[in-house]
Amino acid sequence: MVVAFFEGLGQYLNLHANVAIYGPFNYQGQFSSDSNAQFDMWLKQNNPQSGIRDIEWITSLASDQGLSLQADTSMPANNRLLHFSRS
């Protein structure tokens, strides 16, 4: 699902497009909080293909589609706002 999302972005985004993604992310395979670890378990119980993703994987998928990370901003409740742009 995540791979298809980024492939779709690569197909349909114009040059100089911006993309914002909001949610929890892991860094170097580590949860940023105990609540995110619990949330990940809950997600996987409901859908084994779901779960909190590693930012390194996300930025790699984005890069494959010509998107580069412009900002990684801390948000409430252990979430992040990732800003990508295509140039």
PDB file of N, CA and C in Angstrom:
ATOM      1  N   MET A   1       0.813  -1.180   0.000  1.00  0.00           N
ATOM      2  CA  MET A   1       0.000   0.000   0.000  1.00  0.00           C
ATOM      3  C   MET A   1       0.866   1.257   0.000  1.00  0.00           C
ATOM      4  N   VAL A   2       1.888   1.293   0.841  1.00  0.00           N
ATOM      5  CA  VAL A   2       2.774   2.452   0.913  1.00  0.00           C
ATOM      6  C   VAL A   2       3.564   2.590  -0.388  1.00  0.00           C
ATOM      7  N   VAL A   3       4.043   1.478  -0.912  1.00  0.00           N
ATOM      8  CA  VAL A   3       4.793   1.502  -2.173  1.00  0.00           C
ATOM      9  C   VAL A   3       3.900   2.032  -3.290  1.00  0.00           C
ATOM     10  N   ALA A   4       2.672   1.548  -3.357  1.00  0.00           N
ATOM     11  CA  ALA A   4       1.729   2.005  -4.394  1.00  0.00           C
ATOM     12  C   ALA A   4       1.444   3.499  -4.256  1.00  0.00           C
ATOM     13  N   PHE A   5       1.351   3.993  -3.030  1.00  0.00           N
ATOM     14  CA  PHE A   5       1.134   5.420  -2.804  1.00  0.00           C
ATOM     15  C   PHE A   5       2.252   6.231  -3.441  1.00  0.00           C
ATOM     16  N   PHE A   6       3.495   5.853  -3.180  1.00  0.00           N
ATOM     17  CA  PHE A   6       4.622   6.604  -3.720  1.00  0.00           C
ATOM     18  C   PHE A   6       4.746   6.428  -5.230  1.00  0.00           C
ATOM     19  N   GLU A   7       4.435   5.239  -5.740  1.00  0.00           N
ATOM     20  CA  GLU A   7       4.447   5.054  -7.192  1.00  0.00           C
ATOM     21  C   GLU A   7       3.404   5.957  -7.844  1.00  0.00           C
ATOM     22  N   GLY A   8       2.246   6.099  -7.210  1.00  0.00           N
ATOM     23  CA  GLY A   8       1.214   7.000  -7.719  1.00  0.00           C
ATOM     24  C   GLY A   8       1.674   8.443  -7.707  1.00  0.00           C
ATOM     25  N   LEU A   9       2.358   8.834  -6.639  1.00  0.00           N
ATOM     26  CA  LEU A   9       2.905  10.194  -6.594  1.00  0.00           C
ATOM     27  C   LEU A   9       3.867  10.422  -7.756  1.00  0.00           C
ATOM     28  N   GLY A  10       4.700   9.448  -7.989  1.00  0.00           N
ATOM     29  CA  GLY A  10       5.675   9.559  -9.068  1.00  0.00           C
ATOM     30  C   GLY A  10       5.013   9.691 -10.427  1.00  0.00           C
ATOM     31  N   GLN A  11       3.884   9.049 -10.586  1.00  0.00           N
ATOM     32  CA  GLN A  11       3.159   9.072 -11.851  1.00  0.00           C
ATOM     33  C   GLN A  11       2.416  10.385 -12.086  1.00  0.00           C
ATOM     34  N   TYR A  12       1.851  10.943 -11.032  1.00  0.00           N
ATOM     35  CA  TYR A  12       0.904  12.041 -11.214  1.00  0.00           C
ATOM     36  C   TYR A  12       1.364  13.420 -10.749  1.00  0.00           C
ATOM     37  N   LEU A  13       2.420  13.489  -9.973  1.00  0.00           N
ATOM     38  CA  LEU A  13       2.869  14.806  -9.500  1.00  0.00           C
ATOM     39  C   LEU A  13       3.602  15.577 -10.583  1.00  0.00           C
ATOM     40  N   ASN A  14       3.337  16.859 -10.636  1.00  0.00           N
ATOM     41  CA  ASN A  14       4.050  17.745 -11.540  1.00  0.00           C
ATOM     42  C   ASN A  14       5.415  18.098 -10.953  1.00  0.00           C
ATOM     43  N   LEU A  15       6.258  18.626 -11.812  1.00  0.00           N
ATOM     44  CA  LEU A  15       7.536  19.162 -11.360  1.00  0.00           C
ATOM     45  C   LEU A  15       7.269  20.289 -10.374  1.00  0.00           C
ATOM     46  N   HIS A  16       8.058  20.413  -9.356  1.00  0.00           N
ATOM     47  CA  HIS A  16       7.941  21.429  -8.301  1.00  0.00           C
ATOM     48  C   HIS A  16       6.739  21.188  -7.381  1.00  0.00           C
ATOM     49  N   ALA A  17       6.197  20.003  -7.384  1.00  0.00           N
ATOM     50  CA  ALA A  17       5.079  19.666  -6.499  1.00  0.00           C
ATOM     51  C   ALA A  17       5.578  19.485  -5.067  1.00  0.00           C
ATOM     52  N   ASN A  18       4.675  19.670  -4.120  1.00  0.00           N
ATOM     53  CA  ASN A  18       4.953  19.453  -2.701  1.00  0.00           C
ATOM     54  C   ASN A  18       4.016  18.386  -2.170  1.00  0.00           C
ATOM     55  N   VAL A  19       4.521  17.597  -1.221  1.00  0.00           N
ATOM     56  CA  VAL A  19       3.731  16.550  -0.581  1.00  0.00           C
ATOM     57  C   VAL A  19       3.978  16.633   0.919  1.00  0.00           C
ATOM     58  N   ALA A  20       2.905  16.577   1.693  1.00  0.00           N
ATOM     59  CA  ALA A  20       3.017  16.545   3.153  1.00  0.00           C
ATOM     60  C   ALA A  20       2.413  15.239   3.652  1.00  0.00           C
ATOM     61  N   ILE A  21       3.131  14.571   4.529  1.00  0.00           N
ATOM     62  CA  ILE A  21       2.665  13.311   5.116  1.00  0.00           C
ATOM     63  C   ILE A  21       2.720  13.460   6.632  1.00  0.00           C
ATOM     64  N   TYR A  22       1.594  13.171   7.270  1.00  0.00           N
ATOM     65  CA  TYR A  22       1.462  13.325   8.717  1.00  0.00           C
ATOM     66  C   TYR A  22       1.276  11.962   9.363  1.00  0.00           C
ATOM     67  N   GLY A  23       1.966  11.726  10.460  1.00  0.00           N
ATOM     68  CA  GLY A  23       1.760  10.493  11.203  1.00  0.00           C
ATOM     69  C   GLY A  23       2.982  10.134  12.033  1.00  0.00           C
ATOM     70  N   PRO A  24       2.911   8.985  12.690  1.00  0.00           N
ATOM     71  CA  PRO A  24       4.066   8.508  13.459  1.00  0.00           C
ATOM     72  C   PRO A  24       5.054   7.794  12.540  1.00  0.00           C
ATOM     73  N   PHE A  25       6.320   7.929  12.832  1.00  0.00           N
ATOM     74  CA  PHE A  25       7.368   7.251  12.071  1.00  0.00           C
ATOM     75  C   PHE A  25       8.438   6.749  13.029  1.00  0.00           C
ATOM     76  N   ASN A  26       9.074   5.651  12.651  1.00  0.00           N
ATOM     77  CA  ASN A  26      10.228   5.142  13.389  1.00  0.00           C
ATOM     78  C   ASN A  26      11.495   5.734  12.793  1.00  0.00           C
ATOM     79  N   TYR A  27      12.530   5.804  13.610  1.00  0.00           N
ATOM     80  CA  TYR A  27      13.837   6.265  13.166  1.00  0.00           C
ATOM     81  C   TYR A  27      14.848   5.172  13.484  1.00  0.00           C
ATOM     82  N   GLN A  28      15.549   4.718  12.449  1.00  0.00           N
ATOM     83  CA  GLN A  28      16.523   3.628  12.572  1.00  0.00           C
ATOM     84  C   GLN A  28      15.901   2.412  13.253  1.00  0.00           C
ATOM     85  N   GLY A  29      14.655   2.107  12.882  1.00  0.00           N
ATOM     86  CA  GLY A  29      13.973   0.922  13.395  1.00  0.00           C
ATOM     87  C   GLY A  29      13.481   1.032  14.825  1.00  0.00           C
ATOM     88  N   GLN A  30      13.573   2.215  15.415  1.00  0.00           N
ATOM     89  CA  GLN A  30      13.197   2.398  16.817  1.00  0.00           C
ATOM     90  C   GLN A  30      11.944   3.269  16.922  1.00  0.00           C
ATOM     91  N   PHE A  31      11.048   2.875  17.819  1.00  0.00           N
ATOM     92  CA  PHE A  31       9.871   3.689  18.097  1.00  0.00           C
ATOM     93  C   PHE A  31      10.296   4.947  18.844  1.00  0.00           C
ATOM     94  N   SER A  32       9.616   6.042  18.561  1.00  0.00           N
ATOM     95  CA  SER A  32       9.951   7.302  19.216  1.00  0.00           C
ATOM     96  C   SER A  32       9.299   7.435  20.588  1.00  0.00           C
ATOM     97  N   SER A  33       8.376   6.516  20.916  1.00  0.00           N
ATOM     98  CA  SER A  33       7.717   6.551  22.226  1.00  0.00           C
ATOM     99  C   SER A  33       7.074   5.196  22.506  1.00  0.00           C
ATOM    100  N   ASP A  34       6.785   4.944  23.767  1.00  0.00           N
ATOM    101  CA  ASP A  34       6.076   3.715  24.141  1.00  0.00           C
ATOM    102  C   ASP A  34       4.677   3.703  23.538  1.00  0.00           C
ATOM    103  N   SER A  35       4.040   4.874  23.480  1.00  0.00           N
ATOM    104  CA  SER A  35       2.686   4.925  22.918  1.00  0.00           C
ATOM    105  C   SER A  35       2.698   4.575  21.428  1.00  0.00           C
ATOM    106  N   ASN A  36       3.755   4.940  20.708  1.00  0.00           N
ATOM    107  CA  ASN A  36       3.846   4.553  19.302  1.00  0.00           C
ATOM    108  C   ASN A  36       4.061   3.052  19.155  1.00  0.00           C
ATOM    109  N   ALA A  37       4.808   2.444  20.045  1.00  0.00           N
ATOM    110  CA  ALA A  37       4.997   0.986  20.019  1.00  0.00           C
ATOM    111  C   ALA A  37       3.658   0.282  20.253  1.00  0.00           C
ATOM    112  N   GLN A  38       2.877   0.783  21.190  1.00  0.00           N
ATOM    113  CA  GLN A  38       1.554   0.208  21.451  1.00  0.00           C
ATOM    114  C   GLN A  38       0.614   0.418  20.270  1.00  0.00           C
ATOM    115  N   PHE A  39       0.663   1.595  19.673  1.00  0.00           N
ATOM    116  CA  PHE A  39      -0.158   1.902  18.508  1.00  0.00           C
ATOM    117  C   PHE A  39       0.209   0.985  17.347  1.00  0.00           C
ATOM    118  N   ASP A  40       1.491   0.720  17.149  1.00  0.00           N
ATOM    119  CA  ASP A  40       1.950  -0.183  16.094  1.00  0.00           C
ATOM    120  C   ASP A  40       1.384  -1.591  16.303  1.00  0.00           C
ATOM    121  N   MET A  41       1.405  -2.062  17.539  1.00  0.00           N
ATOM    122  CA  MET A  41       0.834  -3.395  17.832  1.00  0.00           C
ATOM    123  C   MET A  41      -0.656  -3.410  17.512  1.00  0.00           C
ATOM    124  N   TRP A  42      -1.378  -2.362  17.883  1.00  0.00           N
ATOM    125  CA  TRP A  42      -2.808  -2.274  17.617  1.00  0.00           C
ATOM    126  C   TRP A  42      -3.073  -2.281  16.110  1.00  0.00           C
ATOM    127  N   LEU A  43      -2.289  -1.501  15.365  1.00  0.00           N
ATOM    128  CA  LEU A  43      -2.453  -1.466  13.905  1.00  0.00           C
ATOM    129  C   LEU A  43      -2.253  -2.851  13.299  1.00  0.00           C
ATOM    130  N   LYS A  44      -1.203  -3.537  13.732  1.00  0.00           N
ATOM    131  CA  LYS A  44      -0.888  -4.857  13.168  1.00  0.00           C
ATOM    132  C   LYS A  44      -1.898  -5.918  13.571  1.00  0.00           C
ATOM    133  N   GLN A  45      -2.540  -5.769  14.717  1.00  0.00           N
ATOM    134  CA  GLN A  45      -3.610  -6.698  15.109  1.00  0.00           C
ATOM    135  C   GLN A  45      -4.808  -6.556  14.182  1.00  0.00           C
ATOM    136  N   ASN A  46      -5.066  -5.333  13.738  1.00  0.00           N
ATOM    137  CA  ASN A  46      -6.191  -5.073  12.845  1.00  0.00           C
ATOM    138  C   ASN A  46      -5.865  -5.356  11.387  1.00  0.00           C
ATOM    139  N   ASN A  47      -4.600  -5.220  11.019  1.00  0.00           N
ATOM    140  CA  ASN A  47      -4.151  -5.490   9.655  1.00  0.00           C
ATOM    141  C   ASN A  47      -2.654  -5.774   9.706  1.00  0.00           C
ATOM    142  N   PRO A  48      -2.258  -7.040   9.555  1.00  0.00           N
ATOM    143  CA  PRO A  48      -0.839  -7.403   9.665  1.00  0.00           C
ATOM    144  C   PRO A  48       0.079  -6.667   8.691  1.00  0.00           C
ATOM    145  N   GLN A  49      -0.457  -6.122   7.594  1.00  0.00           N
ATOM    146  CA  GLN A  49       0.365  -5.390   6.641  1.00  0.00           C
ATOM    147  C   GLN A  49       0.511  -3.918   7.022  1.00  0.00           C
ATOM    148  N   SER A  50      -0.138  -3.537   8.107  1.00  0.00           N
ATOM    149  CA  SER A  50      -0.112  -2.156   8.560  1.00  0.00           C
ATOM    150  C   SER A  50       1.012  -1.971   9.574  1.00  0.00           C
ATOM    151  N   GLY A  51       1.111  -0.771  10.115  1.00  0.00           N
ATOM    152  CA  GLY A  51       2.092  -0.500  11.165  1.00  0.00           C
ATOM    153  C   GLY A  51       2.832   0.787  10.914  1.00  0.00           C
ATOM    154  N   ILE A  52       3.574   1.211  11.904  1.00  0.00           N
ATOM    155  CA  ILE A  52       4.377   2.424  11.797  1.00  0.00           C
ATOM    156  C   ILE A  52       5.604   2.120  10.944  1.00  0.00           C
ATOM    157  N   ARG A  53       5.866   2.982   9.997  1.00  0.00           N
ATOM    158  CA  ARG A  53       6.957   2.771   9.040  1.00  0.00           C
ATOM    159  C   ARG A  53       8.213   3.532   9.448  1.00  0.00           C
ATOM    160  N   ASP A  54       9.340   3.032   8.973  1.00  0.00           N
ATOM    161  CA  ASP A  54      10.630   3.685   9.217  1.00  0.00           C
ATOM    162  C   ASP A  54      10.805   4.853   8.261  1.00  0.00           C
ATOM    163  N   ILE A  55      11.231   5.977   8.792  1.00  0.00           N
ATOM    164  CA  ILE A  55      11.415   7.161   7.951  1.00  0.00           C
ATOM    165  C   ILE A  55      12.466   6.911   6.874  1.00  0.00           C
ATOM    166  N   GLU A  56      13.452   6.095   7.156  1.00  0.00           N
ATOM    167  CA  GLU A  56      14.485   5.815   6.161  1.00  0.00           C
ATOM    168  C   GLU A  56      13.872   5.135   4.928  1.00  0.00           C
ATOM    169  N   TRP A  57      12.925   4.244   5.146  1.00  0.00           N
ATOM    170  CA  TRP A  57      12.245   3.569   4.040  1.00  0.00           C
ATOM    171  C   TRP A  57      11.365   4.562   3.275  1.00  0.00           C
ATOM    172  N   ILE A  58      10.646   5.396   4.028  1.00  0.00           N
ATOM    173  CA  ILE A  58       9.765   6.392   3.417  1.00  0.00           C
ATOM    174  C   ILE A  58      10.573   7.349   2.549  1.00  0.00           C
ATOM    175  N   THR A  59      11.678   7.857   3.065  1.00  0.00           N
ATOM    176  CA  THR A  59      12.478   8.807   2.277  1.00  0.00           C
ATOM    177  C   THR A  59      13.103   8.121   1.056  1.00  0.00           C
ATOM    178  N   SER A  60      13.408   6.834   1.163  1.00  0.00           N
ATOM    179  CA  SER A  60      13.933   6.092   0.021  1.00  0.00           C
ATOM    180  C   SER A  60      12.860   5.939  -1.063  1.00  0.00           C
ATOM    181  N   LEU A  61      11.640   5.584  -0.656  1.00  0.00           N
ATOM    182  CA  LEU A  61      10.539   5.482  -1.624  1.00  0.00           C
ATOM    183  C   LEU A  61      10.283   6.827  -2.291  1.00  0.00           C
ATOM    184  N   ALA A  62      10.324   7.890  -1.507  1.00  0.00           N
ATOM    185  CA  ALA A  62      10.108   9.225  -2.054  1.00  0.00           C
ATOM    186  C   ALA A  62      11.217   9.582  -3.047  1.00  0.00           C
ATOM    187  N   SER A  63      12.438   9.303  -2.677  1.00  0.00           N
ATOM    188  CA  SER A  63      13.577   9.595  -3.541  1.00  0.00           C
ATOM    189  C   SER A  63      13.467   8.863  -4.879  1.00  0.00           C
ATOM    190  N   ASP A  64      13.003   7.623  -4.840  1.00  0.00           N
ATOM    191  CA  ASP A  64      12.815   6.847  -6.072  1.00  0.00           C
ATOM    192  C   ASP A  64      11.848   7.535  -7.030  1.00  0.00           C
ATOM    193  N   GLN A  65      10.996   8.412  -6.498  1.00  0.00           N
ATOM    194  CA  GLN A  65      10.007   9.122  -7.314  1.00  0.00           C
ATOM    195  C   GLN A  65      10.396  10.585  -7.544  1.00  0.00           C
ATOM    196  N   GLY A  66      11.639  10.917  -7.248  1.00  0.00           N
ATOM    197  CA  GLY A  66      12.124  12.268  -7.491  1.00  0.00           C
ATOM    198  C   GLY A  66      11.742  13.267  -6.417  1.00  0.00           C
ATOM    199  N   LEU A  67      11.349  12.778  -5.251  1.00  0.00           N
ATOM    200  CA  LEU A  67      10.967  13.649  -4.136  1.00  0.00           C
ATOM    201  C   LEU A  67      12.094  13.696  -3.104  1.00  0.00           C
ATOM    202  N   SER A  68      12.351  14.867  -2.579  1.00  0.00           N
ATOM    203  CA  SER A  68      13.360  14.976  -1.523  1.00  0.00           C
ATOM    204  C   SER A  68      12.740  15.579  -0.275  1.00  0.00           C
ATOM    205  N   LEU A  69      13.193  15.102   0.855  1.00  0.00           N
ATOM    206  CA  LEU A  69      12.686  15.571   2.143  1.00  0.00           C
ATOM    207  C   LEU A  69      13.177  16.991   2.387  1.00  0.00           C
ATOM    208  N   GLN A  70      12.232  17.902   2.605  1.00  0.00           N
ATOM    209  CA  GLN A  70      12.556  19.298   2.868  1.00  0.00           C
ATOM    210  C   GLN A  70      12.510  19.620   4.357  1.00  0.00           C
ATOM    211  N   ALA A  71      11.584  18.968   5.068  1.00  0.00           N
ATOM    212  CA  ALA A  71      11.436  19.242   6.501  1.00  0.00           C
ATOM    213  C   ALA A  71      10.805  18.038   7.191  1.00  0.00           C
ATOM    214  N   ASP A  72      11.227  17.827   8.411  1.00  0.00           N
ATOM    215  CA  ASP A  72      10.688  16.790   9.288  1.00  0.00           C
ATOM    216  C   ASP A  72      10.356  17.501  10.597  1.00  0.00           C
ATOM    217  N   THR A  73       9.068  17.774  10.804  1.00  0.00           N
ATOM    218  CA  THR A  73       8.635  18.621  11.909  1.00  0.00           C
ATOM    219  C   THR A  73       7.906  17.812  12.973  1.00  0.00           C
ATOM    220  N   SER A  74       8.283  18.005  14.210  1.00  0.00           N
ATOM    221  CA  SER A  74       7.614  17.364  15.339  1.00  0.00           C
ATOM    222  C   SER A  74       6.206  17.936  15.494  1.00  0.00           C
ATOM    223  N   MET A  75       5.236  17.044  15.730  1.00  0.00           N
ATOM    224  CA  MET A  75       3.838  17.432  15.906  1.00  0.00           C
ATOM    225  C   MET A  75       3.319  16.809  17.204  1.00  0.00           C
ATOM    226  N   PRO A  76       2.110  17.188  17.631  1.00  0.00           N
ATOM    227  CA  PRO A  76       1.552  16.619  18.865  1.00  0.00           C
ATOM    228  C   PRO A  76       1.389  15.094  18.788  1.00  0.00           C
ATOM    229  N   ALA A  77       1.335  14.494  19.953  1.00  0.00           N
ATOM    230  CA  ALA A  77       1.058  13.055  20.126  1.00  0.00           C
ATOM    231  C   ALA A  77       2.075  12.169  19.413  1.00  0.00           C
ATOM    232  N   ASN A  78       3.352  12.566  19.438  1.00  0.00           N
ATOM    233  CA  ASN A  78       4.444  11.775  18.859  1.00  0.00           C
ATOM    234  C   ASN A  78       4.304  11.551  17.362  1.00  0.00           C
ATOM    235  N   ASN A  79       3.664  12.480  16.675  1.00  0.00           N
ATOM    236  CA  ASN A  79       3.544  12.426  15.226  1.00  0.00           C
ATOM    237  C   ASN A  79       4.566  13.359  14.593  1.00  0.00           C
ATOM    238  N   ARG A  80       4.714  13.230  13.274  1.00  0.00           N
ATOM    239  CA  ARG A  80       5.641  14.043  12.496  1.00  0.00           C
ATOM    240  C   ARG A  80       4.909  14.571  11.269  1.00  0.00           C
ATOM    241  N   LEU A  81       5.380  15.683  10.747  1.00  0.00           N
ATOM    242  CA  LEU A  81       4.912  16.196   9.469  1.00  0.00           C
ATOM    243  C   LEU A  81       6.118  16.212   8.542  1.00  0.00           C
ATOM    244  N   LEU A  82       6.055  15.362   7.516  1.00  0.00           N
ATOM    245  CA  LEU A  82       7.142  15.267   6.552  1.00  0.00           C
ATOM    246  C   LEU A  82       6.769  16.073   5.315  1.00  0.00           C
ATOM    247  N   HIS A  83       7.645  16.960   4.911  1.00  0.00           N
ATOM    248  CA  HIS A  83       7.426  17.786   3.731  1.00  0.00           C
ATOM    249  C   HIS A  83       8.436  17.377   2.666  1.00  0.00           C
ATOM    250  N   PHE A  84       7.912  16.901   1.539  1.00  0.00           N
ATOM    251  CA  PHE A  84       8.737  16.505   0.399  1.00  0.00           C
ATOM    252  C   PHE A  84       8.454  17.452  -0.757  1.00  0.00           C
ATOM    253  N   SER A  85       9.444  17.639  -1.620  1.00  0.00           N
ATOM    254  CA  SER A  85       9.212  18.405  -2.837  1.00  0.00           C
ATOM    255  C   SER A  85       9.882  17.676  -4.008  1.00  0.00           C
ATOM    256  N   ARG A  86       9.358  17.983  -5.170  1.00  0.00           N
ATOM    257  CA  ARG A  86       9.883  17.391  -6.404  1.00  0.00           C
ATOM    258  C   ARG A  86      10.454  18.516  -7.252  1.00  0.00           C
ATOM    259  N   SER A  87      11.686  18.326  -7.700  1.00  0.00           N
ATOM    260  CA  SER A  87      12.281  19.364  -8.545  1.00  0.00           C
ATOM    261  C   SER A  87      12.942  18.758  -9.768  1.00  0.00           C
TER     262      SER A  87
END
